[in-house]
Every structure is written in structure tokens, then in C-alpha cells.
Amino acid sequence: MGSPYESLLPSQDVEVLQKLAMEHSQYSQRLEQLTEKRFLTDDEKIEEVRLKKLKLRLKDQMESIERQYRVQPGQVA
């Protein structure tokens, strides 16, 4: 996954982050396929919007998990 916080996370959170990252990557690949097309059908346009929202939701979930383990300035780890 490559998160700078991975070594600080419990293994279950690492597994969740890896799963979310894999889903995010799959959505990115599908979006890449759609953007390579010259024209999109109405269904493909809807799919594109849906995939963008799903990617954003996954990114927010990953950041939320990582945020739990970040040491804030002035905090003792």
C-alpha cells in the first residue's frame, strides 16, 4: 500500500486499507478506460460520475483510518 503510517497500524487496519486501496485502483482503471473513449454513452457517463464518487469515498475512508494514528504536534506518541 505504501502508507507512511502502515508500520504504526494494527494488522486489521492495514488489511482494510489494502482492500480499500485495491478497490480504489480498480475504479481508477475503469475510469481510465472510460476517458480513453472519444464519446461516452449516457450509461457510461452515469458510471463515470458514480466511479468518481466511489473513489472519493474510498480515499476519505483510507485517510480517516490513517488520521487515527497520526501523532499531532505537541502529542506524545
Protein backbone atom coordinates (compact mmCIF):
# COMPACT_ATOMS: atom_id res chain seq x y z
CA MET A 1 0.00 0.00 0.00
CA GLY A 2 2.80 2.41 0.81
CA SER A 3 1.23 4.45 3.62
CA PRO A 4 3.81 6.18 5.82
CA TYR A 5 1.68 5.11 8.80
CA GLU A 6 1.44 1.44 7.81
CA SER A 7 4.04 0.31 10.37
CA LEU A 8 2.04 2.03 13.13
CA LEU A 9 -1.31 0.49 12.23
CA PRO A 10 -2.82 -2.67 13.67
CA SER A 11 -2.80 -5.51 11.14
CA GLN A 12 -6.60 -5.42 10.76
CA ASP A 13 -6.45 -1.75 9.74
CA VAL A 14 -3.61 -2.49 7.33
CA GLU A 15 -5.78 -5.19 5.73
CA VAL A 16 -8.74 -2.79 5.47
CA LEU A 17 -6.52 -0.10 3.94
CA GLN A 18 -5.12 -2.58 1.43
CA LYS A 19 -8.62 -3.67 0.44
CA LEU A 20 -9.77 -0.06 0.05
CA ALA A 21 -6.66 0.79 -1.96
CA MET A 22 -7.28 -2.17 -4.27
CA GLU A 23 -10.88 -1.08 -4.86
CA HIS A 24 -9.70 2.48 -5.47
CA SER A 25 -7.23 1.19 -8.05
CA GLN A 26 -9.92 -0.85 -9.81
CA TYR A 27 -12.15 2.22 -10.06
CA SER A 28 -9.21 4.24 -11.40
CA GLN A 29 -8.54 1.63 -14.07
CA ARG A 30 -12.18 1.64 -15.19
CA LEU A 31 -12.22 5.45 -15.25
CA GLU A 32 -9.07 5.36 -17.37
CA GLN A 33 -10.88 3.08 -19.85
CA LEU A 34 -13.80 5.48 -19.99
CA THR A 35 -11.61 8.55 -20.50
CA GLU A 36 -9.87 6.87 -23.43
CA LYS A 37 -13.18 6.71 -25.29
CA ARG A 38 -13.96 9.54 -27.64
CA PHE A 39 -17.66 9.55 -26.74
CA LEU A 40 -19.50 8.10 -23.78
CA THR A 41 -22.99 6.66 -23.81
CA ASP A 42 -25.45 8.00 -21.28
CA ASP A 43 -24.91 4.88 -19.16
CA GLU A 44 -21.13 5.36 -19.32
CA LYS A 45 -21.49 8.99 -18.25
CA ILE A 46 -23.51 7.86 -15.24
CA GLU A 47 -20.93 5.18 -14.49
CA GLU A 48 -18.13 7.74 -14.70
CA VAL A 49 -19.81 10.01 -12.15
CA ARG A 50 -20.57 7.05 -9.88
CA LEU A 51 -16.97 5.79 -10.05
CA LYS A 52 -15.58 9.23 -9.22
CA LYS A 53 -17.81 9.43 -6.16
CA LEU A 54 -16.86 5.91 -5.07
CA LYS A 55 -13.16 6.70 -5.46
CA LEU A 56 -13.53 9.82 -3.36
CA ARG A 57 -15.43 7.92 -0.67
CA LEU A 58 -12.71 5.25 -0.54
CA LYS A 59 -9.99 7.87 -0.32
CA ASP A 60 -11.84 9.57 2.54
CA GLN A 61 -12.15 6.22 4.35
CA MET A 62 -8.44 5.48 3.94
CA GLU A 63 -7.47 8.94 5.19
CA SER A 64 -9.83 8.61 8.14
CA ILE A 65 -8.16 5.37 9.24
CA GLU A 66 -4.68 6.86 8.84
CA ARG A 67 -5.72 10.04 10.67
CA GLN A 68 -6.48 7.99 13.79
CA TYR A 69 -2.79 7.07 14.06
CA ARG A 70 -1.12 10.35 13.18
CA VAL A 71 0.73 11.99 16.00
CA GLN A 72 -0.30 15.62 16.24
CA PRO A 73 2.29 18.27 17.10
CA GLY A 74 2.58 18.51 20.88
CA GLN A 75 1.18 15.00 21.43
CA VAL A 76 3.21 12.22 22.97
CA ALA A 77 3.10 9.01 20.93
